[in-house]
Amino acid sequence: MTIKLLYFASLREALGTNSEELALPAEVSDVAALKVFLAARGAAWQALTQSRSLRAAVNQQMAGPDSGICDGDEVAFFPPVTGG
């Protein structure tokens, strides 16, 4: 399965990229498993599993940890944004 990943705000800066396409192993079938899979890449990627405030969206719909992901989906990760 191949998905498109988008990273926003401070997460984009920490990871050094704003998007990528990624082929996933079969066992990565929901947002929680995707975060763990990506966190295994190293230190900067650990933010995906360590931040309680990190949000995710699948195909532009807010998604929880148990939200499924399928081939061709777009998954976005972003920290909450506040205004002032």
PDB file of N, CA and C in Angstrom:
ATOM      1  N   MET A   1       0.843  -1.161   0.000  1.00  0.00           N
ATOM      2  CA  MET A   1       0.000   0.000   0.000  1.00  0.00           C
ATOM      3  C   MET A   1       0.899   1.238   0.000  1.00  0.00           C
ATOM      4  N   THR A   2       0.526   2.212  -0.804  1.00  0.00           N
ATOM      5  CA  THR A   2       1.266   3.469  -0.880  1.00  0.00           C
ATOM      6  C   THR A   2       0.340   4.609  -0.489  1.00  0.00           C
ATOM      7  N   ILE A   3       0.837   5.492   0.380  1.00  0.00           N
ATOM      8  CA  ILE A   3       0.068   6.649   0.824  1.00  0.00           C
ATOM      9  C   ILE A   3       0.890   7.914   0.628  1.00  0.00           C
ATOM     10  N   LYS A   4       0.205   9.048   0.684  1.00  0.00           N
ATOM     11  CA  LYS A   4       0.887  10.339   0.649  1.00  0.00           C
ATOM     12  C   LYS A   4       0.828  10.915   2.051  1.00  0.00           C
ATOM     13  N   LEU A   5       1.967  11.371   2.544  1.00  0.00           N
ATOM     14  CA  LEU A   5       2.064  11.977   3.866  1.00  0.00           C
ATOM     15  C   LEU A   5       2.334  13.466   3.736  1.00  0.00           C
ATOM     16  N   LEU A   6       1.676  14.249   4.580  1.00  0.00           N
ATOM     17  CA  LEU A   6       1.883  15.691   4.644  1.00  0.00           C
ATOM     18  C   LEU A   6       2.246  16.065   6.067  1.00  0.00           C
ATOM     19  N   TYR A   7       3.220  16.963   6.218  1.00  0.00           N
ATOM     20  CA  TYR A   7       3.670  17.418   7.531  1.00  0.00           C
ATOM     21  C   TYR A   7       3.570  18.945   7.560  1.00  0.00           C
ATOM     22  N   PHE A   8       3.020  19.481   8.655  1.00  0.00           N
ATOM     23  CA  PHE A   8       2.780  20.915   8.733  1.00  0.00           C
ATOM     24  C   PHE A   8       3.460  21.559   9.928  1.00  0.00           C
ATOM     25  N   ALA A   9       3.650  22.870   9.810  1.00  0.00           N
ATOM     26  CA  ALA A   9       4.138  23.752  10.879  1.00  0.00           C
ATOM     27  C   ALA A   9       5.469  23.270  11.465  1.00  0.00           C
ATOM     28  N   SER A  10       5.575  23.252  12.786  1.00  0.00           N
ATOM     29  CA  SER A  10       6.846  22.911  13.435  1.00  0.00           C
ATOM     30  C   SER A  10       7.272  21.478  13.134  1.00  0.00           C
ATOM     31  N   LEU A  11       6.324  20.611  12.882  1.00  0.00           N
ATOM     32  CA  LEU A  11       6.660  19.228  12.533  1.00  0.00           C
ATOM     33  C   LEU A  11       7.394  19.187  11.190  1.00  0.00           C
ATOM     34  N   ARG A  12       6.912  19.954  10.235  1.00  0.00           N
ATOM     35  CA  ARG A  12       7.570  20.045   8.924  1.00  0.00           C
ATOM     36  C   ARG A  12       9.005  20.539   9.086  1.00  0.00           C
ATOM     37  N   GLU A  13       9.203  21.528   9.926  1.00  0.00           N
ATOM     38  CA  GLU A  13      10.541  22.067  10.147  1.00  0.00           C
ATOM     39  C   GLU A  13      11.455  21.043  10.814  1.00  0.00           C
ATOM     40  N   ALA A  14      10.938  20.329  11.800  1.00  0.00           N
ATOM     41  CA  ALA A  14      11.753  19.340  12.518  1.00  0.00           C
ATOM     42  C   ALA A  14      12.146  18.165  11.619  1.00  0.00           C
ATOM     43  N   LEU A  15      11.240  17.774  10.724  1.00  0.00           N
ATOM     44  CA  LEU A  15      11.502  16.622   9.855  1.00  0.00           C
ATOM     45  C   LEU A  15      12.259  17.003   8.583  1.00  0.00           C
ATOM     46  N   GLY A  16      12.246  18.272   8.239  1.00  0.00           N
ATOM     47  CA  GLY A  16      12.956  18.728   7.043  1.00  0.00           C
ATOM     48  C   GLY A  16      12.252  18.395   5.746  1.00  0.00           C
ATOM     49  N   THR A  17      10.947  18.119   5.818  1.00  0.00           N
ATOM     50  CA  THR A  17      10.176  17.832   4.606  1.00  0.00           C
ATOM     51  C   THR A  17       8.718  18.187   4.853  1.00  0.00           C
ATOM     52  N   ASN A  18       8.009  18.525   3.789  1.00  0.00           N
ATOM     53  CA  ASN A  18       6.592  18.824   3.949  1.00  0.00           C
ATOM     54  C   ASN A  18       5.694  17.711   3.423  1.00  0.00           C
ATOM     55  N   SER A  19       6.267  16.784   2.637  1.00  0.00           N
ATOM     56  CA  SER A  19       5.447  15.687   2.123  1.00  0.00           C
ATOM     57  C   SER A  19       6.332  14.568   1.586  1.00  0.00           C
ATOM     58  N   GLU A  20       5.711  13.420   1.453  1.00  0.00           N
ATOM     59  CA  GLU A  20       6.392  12.277   0.848  1.00  0.00           C
ATOM     60  C   GLU A  20       5.353  11.221   0.480  1.00  0.00           C
ATOM     61  N   GLU A  21       5.708  10.374  -0.448  1.00  0.00           N
ATOM     62  CA  GLU A  21       4.922   9.182  -0.732  1.00  0.00           C
ATOM     63  C   GLU A  21       5.674   8.016  -0.127  1.00  0.00           C
ATOM     64  N   LEU A  22       4.918   7.092   0.477  1.00  0.00           N
ATOM     65  CA  LEU A  22       5.556   6.032   1.220  1.00  0.00           C
ATOM     66  C   LEU A  22       4.811   4.724   1.034  1.00  0.00           C
ATOM     67  N   ALA A  23       5.558   3.667   0.734  1.00  0.00           N
ATOM     68  CA  ALA A  23       4.993   2.324   0.677  1.00  0.00           C
ATOM     69  C   ALA A  23       5.033   1.749   2.086  1.00  0.00           C
ATOM     70  N   LEU A  24       3.914   1.223   2.537  1.00  0.00           N
ATOM     71  CA  LEU A  24       3.805   0.708   3.895  1.00  0.00           C
ATOM     72  C   LEU A  24       3.685  -0.813   3.914  1.00  0.00           C
ATOM     73  N   PRO A  25       4.214  -1.435   4.954  1.00  0.00           N
ATOM     74  CA  PRO A  25       4.008  -2.877   5.118  1.00  0.00           C
ATOM     75  C   PRO A  25       2.540  -3.144   5.493  1.00  0.00           C
ATOM     76  N   ALA A  26       2.077  -4.357   5.265  1.00  0.00           N
ATOM     77  CA  ALA A  26       0.677  -4.717   5.484  1.00  0.00           C
ATOM     78  C   ALA A  26       0.208  -4.480   6.915  1.00  0.00           C
ATOM     79  N   GLU A  27       1.102  -4.619   7.895  1.00  0.00           N
ATOM     80  CA  GLU A  27       0.683  -4.473   9.287  1.00  0.00           C
ATOM     81  C   GLU A  27       0.397  -3.025   9.686  1.00  0.00           C
ATOM     82  N   VAL A  28       0.735  -2.069   8.857  1.00  0.00           N
ATOM     83  CA  VAL A  28       0.442  -0.660   9.140  1.00  0.00           C
ATOM     84  C   VAL A  28      -0.894  -0.332   8.467  1.00  0.00           C
ATOM     85  N   SER A  29      -1.958  -0.386   9.268  1.00  0.00           N
ATOM     86  CA  SER A  29      -3.296  -0.218   8.694  1.00  0.00           C
ATOM     87  C   SER A  29      -4.128   0.859   9.376  1.00  0.00           C
ATOM     88  N   ASP A  30      -3.553   1.541  10.381  1.00  0.00           N
ATOM     89  CA  ASP A  30      -4.273   2.642  11.019  1.00  0.00           C
ATOM     90  C   ASP A  30      -3.284   3.740  11.410  1.00  0.00           C
ATOM     91  N   VAL A  31      -3.812   4.863  11.863  1.00  0.00           N
ATOM     92  CA  VAL A  31      -2.983   6.023  12.177  1.00  0.00           C
ATOM     93  C   VAL A  31      -1.985   5.713  13.297  1.00  0.00           C
ATOM     94  N   ALA A  32      -2.403   5.001  14.317  1.00  0.00           N
ATOM     95  CA  ALA A  32      -1.502   4.678  15.421  1.00  0.00           C
ATOM     96  C   ALA A  32      -0.311   3.853  14.940  1.00  0.00           C
ATOM     97  N   ALA A  33      -0.571   2.837  14.136  1.00  0.00           N
ATOM     98  CA  ALA A  33       0.514   1.999  13.610  1.00  0.00           C
ATOM     99  C   ALA A  33       1.419   2.797  12.680  1.00  0.00           C
ATOM    100  N   LEU A  34       0.844   3.730  11.932  1.00  0.00           N
ATOM    101  CA  LEU A  34       1.646   4.576  11.050  1.00  0.00           C
ATOM    102  C   LEU A  34       2.598   5.447  11.862  1.00  0.00           C
ATOM    103  N   LYS A  35       2.118   6.027  12.950  1.00  0.00           N
ATOM    104  CA  LYS A  35       2.982   6.848  13.804  1.00  0.00           C
ATOM    105  C   LYS A  35       4.151   6.036  14.346  1.00  0.00           C
ATOM    106  N   VAL A  36       3.883   4.826  14.814  1.00  0.00           N
ATOM    107  CA  VAL A  36       4.943   3.966  15.346  1.00  0.00           C
ATOM    108  C   VAL A  36       5.939   3.607  14.245  1.00  0.00           C
ATOM    109  N   PHE A  37       5.432   3.289  13.066  1.00  0.00           N
ATOM    110  CA  PHE A  37       6.289   2.950  11.926  1.00  0.00           C
ATOM    111  C   PHE A  37       7.205   4.118  11.576  1.00  0.00           C
ATOM    112  N   LEU A  38       6.652   5.324  11.514  1.00  0.00           N
ATOM    113  CA  LEU A  38       7.450   6.503  11.179  1.00  0.00           C
ATOM    114  C   LEU A  38       8.426   6.859  12.303  1.00  0.00           C
ATOM    115  N   ALA A  39       8.020   6.706  13.558  1.00  0.00           N
ATOM    116  CA  ALA A  39       8.882   7.032  14.696  1.00  0.00           C
ATOM    117  C   ALA A  39      10.141   6.177  14.711  1.00  0.00           C
ATOM    118  N   ALA A  40      10.076   5.002  14.129  1.00  0.00           N
ATOM    119  CA  ALA A  40      11.242   4.113  14.077  1.00  0.00           C
ATOM    120  C   ALA A  40      12.345   4.672  13.176  1.00  0.00           C
ATOM    121  N   ARG A  41      12.060   5.719  12.430  1.00  0.00           N
ATOM    122  CA  ARG A  41      13.059   6.327  11.551  1.00  0.00           C
ATOM    123  C   ARG A  41      14.161   7.051  12.326  1.00  0.00           C
ATOM    124  N   GLY A  42      13.895   7.464  13.553  1.00  0.00           N
ATOM    125  CA  GLY A  42      14.934   8.147  14.324  1.00  0.00           C
ATOM    126  C   GLY A  42      14.407   9.274  15.173  1.00  0.00           C
ATOM    127  N   ALA A  43      15.333  10.017  15.738  1.00  0.00           N
ATOM    128  CA  ALA A  43      15.048  11.021  16.766  1.00  0.00           C
ATOM    129  C   ALA A  43      13.991  12.046  16.366  1.00  0.00           C
ATOM    130  N   ALA A  44      14.136  12.716  15.253  1.00  0.00           N
ATOM    131  CA  ALA A  44      13.175  13.750  14.864  1.00  0.00           C
ATOM    132  C   ALA A  44      11.781  13.172  14.681  1.00  0.00           C
ATOM    133  N   TRP A  45      11.711  11.951  14.242  1.00  0.00           N
ATOM    134  CA  TRP A  45      10.430  11.292  13.972  1.00  0.00           C
ATOM    135  C   TRP A  45       9.719  10.862  15.250  1.00  0.00           C
ATOM    136  N   GLN A  46      10.430  10.825  16.371  1.00  0.00           N
ATOM    137  CA  GLN A  46       9.835  10.423  17.637  1.00  0.00           C
ATOM    138  C   GLN A  46       8.690  11.356  18.050  1.00  0.00           C
ATOM    139  N   ALA A  47       8.704  12.582  17.563  1.00  0.00           N
ATOM    140  CA  ALA A  47       7.640  13.538  17.894  1.00  0.00           C
ATOM    141  C   ALA A  47       6.269  13.004  17.503  1.00  0.00           C
ATOM    142  N   LEU A  48       6.217  12.149  16.513  1.00  0.00           N
ATOM    143  CA  LEU A  48       4.937  11.595  16.074  1.00  0.00           C
ATOM    144  C   LEU A  48       4.275  10.742  17.151  1.00  0.00           C
ATOM    145  N   THR A  49       5.060  10.120  17.998  1.00  0.00           N
ATOM    146  CA  THR A  49       4.487   9.276  19.047  1.00  0.00           C
ATOM    147  C   THR A  49       4.561   9.931  20.424  1.00  0.00           C
ATOM    148  N   GLN A  50       5.389  10.940  20.586  1.00  0.00           N
ATOM    149  CA  GLN A  50       5.586  11.544  21.899  1.00  0.00           C
ATOM    150  C   GLN A  50       4.674  12.737  22.169  1.00  0.00           C
ATOM    151  N   SER A  51       4.208  13.395  21.142  1.00  0.00           N
ATOM    152  CA  SER A  51       3.378  14.582  21.326  1.00  0.00           C
ATOM    153  C   SER A  51       1.910  14.192  21.501  1.00  0.00           C
ATOM    154  N   ARG A  52       1.335  14.583  22.634  1.00  0.00           N
ATOM    155  CA  ARG A  52      -0.084  14.303  22.885  1.00  0.00           C
ATOM    156  C   ARG A  52      -0.988  15.234  22.085  1.00  0.00           C
ATOM    157  N   SER A  53      -0.468  16.368  21.659  1.00  0.00           N
ATOM    158  CA  SER A  53      -1.298  17.348  20.970  1.00  0.00           C
ATOM    159  C   SER A  53      -1.241  17.234  19.448  1.00  0.00           C
ATOM    160  N   LEU A  54      -0.429  16.335  18.926  1.00  0.00           N
ATOM    161  CA  LEU A  54      -0.322  16.165  17.483  1.00  0.00           C
ATOM    162  C   LEU A  54      -1.645  15.681  16.904  1.00  0.00           C
ATOM    163  N   ARG A  55      -2.091  16.281  15.835  1.00  0.00           N
ATOM    164  CA  ARG A  55      -3.341  15.911  15.179  1.00  0.00           C
ATOM    165  C   ARG A  55      -3.038  15.194  13.872  1.00  0.00           C
ATOM    166  N   ALA A  56      -4.017  14.400  13.434  1.00  0.00           N
ATOM    167  CA  ALA A  56      -3.893  13.696  12.158  1.00  0.00           C
ATOM    168  C   ALA A  56      -5.192  13.850  11.378  1.00  0.00           C
ATOM    169  N   ALA A  57      -5.059  13.812  10.074  1.00  0.00           N
ATOM    170  CA  ALA A  57      -6.222  13.812   9.188  1.00  0.00           C
ATOM    171  C   ALA A  57      -5.971  12.786   8.093  1.00  0.00           C
ATOM    172  N   VAL A  58      -7.013  12.053   7.750  1.00  0.00           N
ATOM    173  CA  VAL A  58      -6.950  11.099   6.643  1.00  0.00           C
ATOM    174  C   VAL A  58      -7.911  11.601   5.583  1.00  0.00           C
ATOM    175  N   ASN A  59      -7.380  11.865   4.407  1.00  0.00           N
ATOM    176  CA  ASN A  59      -8.179  12.408   3.303  1.00  0.00           C
ATOM    177  C   ASN A  59      -8.960  13.648   3.734  1.00  0.00           C
ATOM    178  N   GLN A  60      -8.276  14.532   4.435  1.00  0.00           N
ATOM    179  CA  GLN A  60      -8.771  15.833   4.879  1.00  0.00           C
ATOM    180  C   GLN A  60      -9.914  15.749   5.882  1.00  0.00           C
ATOM    181  N   GLN A  61     -10.015  14.618   6.585  1.00  0.00           N
ATOM    182  CA  GLN A  61     -10.984  14.447   7.661  1.00  0.00           C
ATOM    183  C   GLN A  61     -10.209  14.139   8.942  1.00  0.00           C
ATOM    184  N   MET A  62     -10.524  14.831  10.025  1.00  0.00           N
ATOM    185  CA  MET A  62      -9.842  14.565  11.290  1.00  0.00           C
ATOM    186  C   MET A  62      -9.902  13.074  11.601  1.00  0.00           C
ATOM    187  N   ALA A  63      -8.795  12.557  12.110  1.00  0.00           N
ATOM    188  CA  ALA A  63      -8.681  11.119  12.332  1.00  0.00           C
ATOM    189  C   ALA A  63      -8.101  10.827  13.706  1.00  0.00           C
ATOM    190  N   GLY A  64      -8.595   9.790  14.326  1.00  0.00           N
ATOM    191  CA  GLY A  64      -8.074   9.334  15.602  1.00  0.00           C
ATOM    192  C   GLY A  64      -7.060   8.223  15.385  1.00  0.00           C
ATOM    193  N   PRO A  65      -6.459   7.734  16.460  1.00  0.00           N
ATOM    194  CA  PRO A  65      -5.435   6.692  16.355  1.00  0.00           C
ATOM    195  C   PRO A  65      -5.930   5.418  15.680  1.00  0.00           C
ATOM    196  N   ASP A  66      -7.201   5.095  15.861  1.00  0.00           N
ATOM    197  CA  ASP A  66      -7.727   3.858  15.289  1.00  0.00           C
ATOM    198  C   ASP A  66      -8.331   4.035  13.899  1.00  0.00           C
ATOM    199  N   SER A  67      -8.201   5.236  13.320  1.00  0.00           N
ATOM    200  CA  SER A  67      -8.708   5.472  11.969  1.00  0.00           C
ATOM    201  C   SER A  67      -7.888   4.680  10.962  1.00  0.00           C
ATOM    202  N   GLY A  68      -8.570   3.943  10.114  1.00  0.00           N
ATOM    203  CA  GLY A  68      -7.897   3.121   9.118  1.00  0.00           C
ATOM    204  C   GLY A  68      -7.281   3.938   7.999  1.00  0.00           C
ATOM    205  N   ILE A  69      -6.259   3.376   7.384  1.00  0.00           N
ATOM    206  CA  ILE A  69      -5.658   3.981   6.201  1.00  0.00           C
ATOM    207  C   ILE A  69      -5.610   2.914   5.108  1.00  0.00           C
ATOM    208  N   CYS A  70      -5.836   3.365   3.880  1.00  0.00           N
ATOM    209  CA  CYS A  70      -5.894   2.471   2.726  1.00  0.00           C
ATOM    210  C   CYS A  70      -4.976   2.977   1.626  1.00  0.00           C
ATOM    211  N   ASP A  71      -4.728   2.123   0.675  1.00  0.00           N
ATOM    212  CA  ASP A  71      -3.897   2.479  -0.463  1.00  0.00           C
ATOM    213  C   ASP A  71      -4.418   3.759  -1.119  1.00  0.00           C
ATOM    214  N   GLY A  72      -3.514   4.688  -1.374  1.00  0.00           N
ATOM    215  CA  GLY A  72      -3.863   5.936  -2.033  1.00  0.00           C
ATOM    216  C   GLY A  72      -4.324   7.041  -1.110  1.00  0.00           C
ATOM    217  N   ASP A  73      -4.468   6.764   0.187  1.00  0.00           N
ATOM    218  CA  ASP A  73      -4.917   7.792   1.132  1.00  0.00           C
ATOM    219  C   ASP A  73      -3.869   8.884   1.301  1.00  0.00           C
ATOM    220  N   GLU A  74      -4.350  10.050   1.716  1.00  0.00           N
ATOM    221  CA  GLU A  74      -3.494  11.164   2.104  1.00  0.00           C
ATOM    222  C   GLU A  74      -3.611  11.309   3.615  1.00  0.00           C
ATOM    223  N   VAL A  75      -2.482  11.246   4.302  1.00  0.00           N
ATOM    224  CA  VAL A  75      -2.469  11.380   5.756  1.00  0.00           C
ATOM    225  C   VAL A  75      -1.638  12.617   6.109  1.00  0.00           C
ATOM    226  N   ALA A  76      -2.227  13.502   6.883  1.00  0.00           N
ATOM    227  CA  ALA A  76      -1.552  14.734   7.287  1.00  0.00           C
ATOM    228  C   ALA A  76      -1.354  14.726   8.794  1.00  0.00           C
ATOM    229  N   PHE A  77      -0.187  15.186   9.232  1.00  0.00           N
ATOM    230  CA  PHE A  77       0.113  15.354  10.651  1.00  0.00           C
ATOM    231  C   PHE A  77       0.402  16.819  10.903  1.00  0.00           C
ATOM    232  N   PHE A  78      -0.182  17.352  11.981  1.00  0.00           N
ATOM    233  CA  PHE A  78       0.034  18.759  12.289  1.00  0.00           C
ATOM    234  C   PHE A  78      -0.192  19.026  13.771  1.00  0.00           C
ATOM    235  N   PRO A  79       0.600  19.950  14.317  1.00  0.00           N
ATOM    236  CA  PRO A  79       0.378  20.367  15.709  1.00  0.00           C
ATOM    237  C   PRO A  79      -0.830  21.291  15.746  1.00  0.00           C
ATOM    238  N   PRO A  80      -1.471  21.417  16.902  1.00  0.00           N
ATOM    239  CA  PRO A  80      -2.592  22.350  16.992  1.00  0.00           C
ATOM    240  C   PRO A  80      -2.096  23.777  16.735  1.00  0.00           C
ATOM    241  N   VAL A  81      -2.941  24.583  16.175  1.00  0.00           N
ATOM    242  CA  VAL A  81      -2.580  25.961  15.840  1.00  0.00           C
ATOM    243  C   VAL A  81      -3.482  26.887  16.653  1.00  0.00           C
ATOM    244  N   THR A  82      -2.871  27.904  17.227  1.00  0.00           N
ATOM    245  CA  THR A  82      -3.651  28.890  17.969  1.00  0.00           C
ATOM    246  C   THR A  82      -3.384  30.267  17.401  1.00  0.00           C
ATOM    247  N   GLY A  83      -4.322  31.124  17.566  1.00  0.00           N
ATOM    248  CA  GLY A  83      -4.176  32.489  17.102  1.00  0.00           C
ATOM    249  C   GLY A  83      -4.092  33.436  18.282  1.00  0.00           C
ATOM    250  N   GLY A  84      -3.829  34.675  18.002  1.00  0.00           N
ATOM    251  CA  GLY A  84      -3.711  35.591  19.116  1.00  0.00           C
ATOM    252  C   GLY A  84      -4.134  36.973  18.793  1.00  0.00           C
TER     253      GLY A  84
END
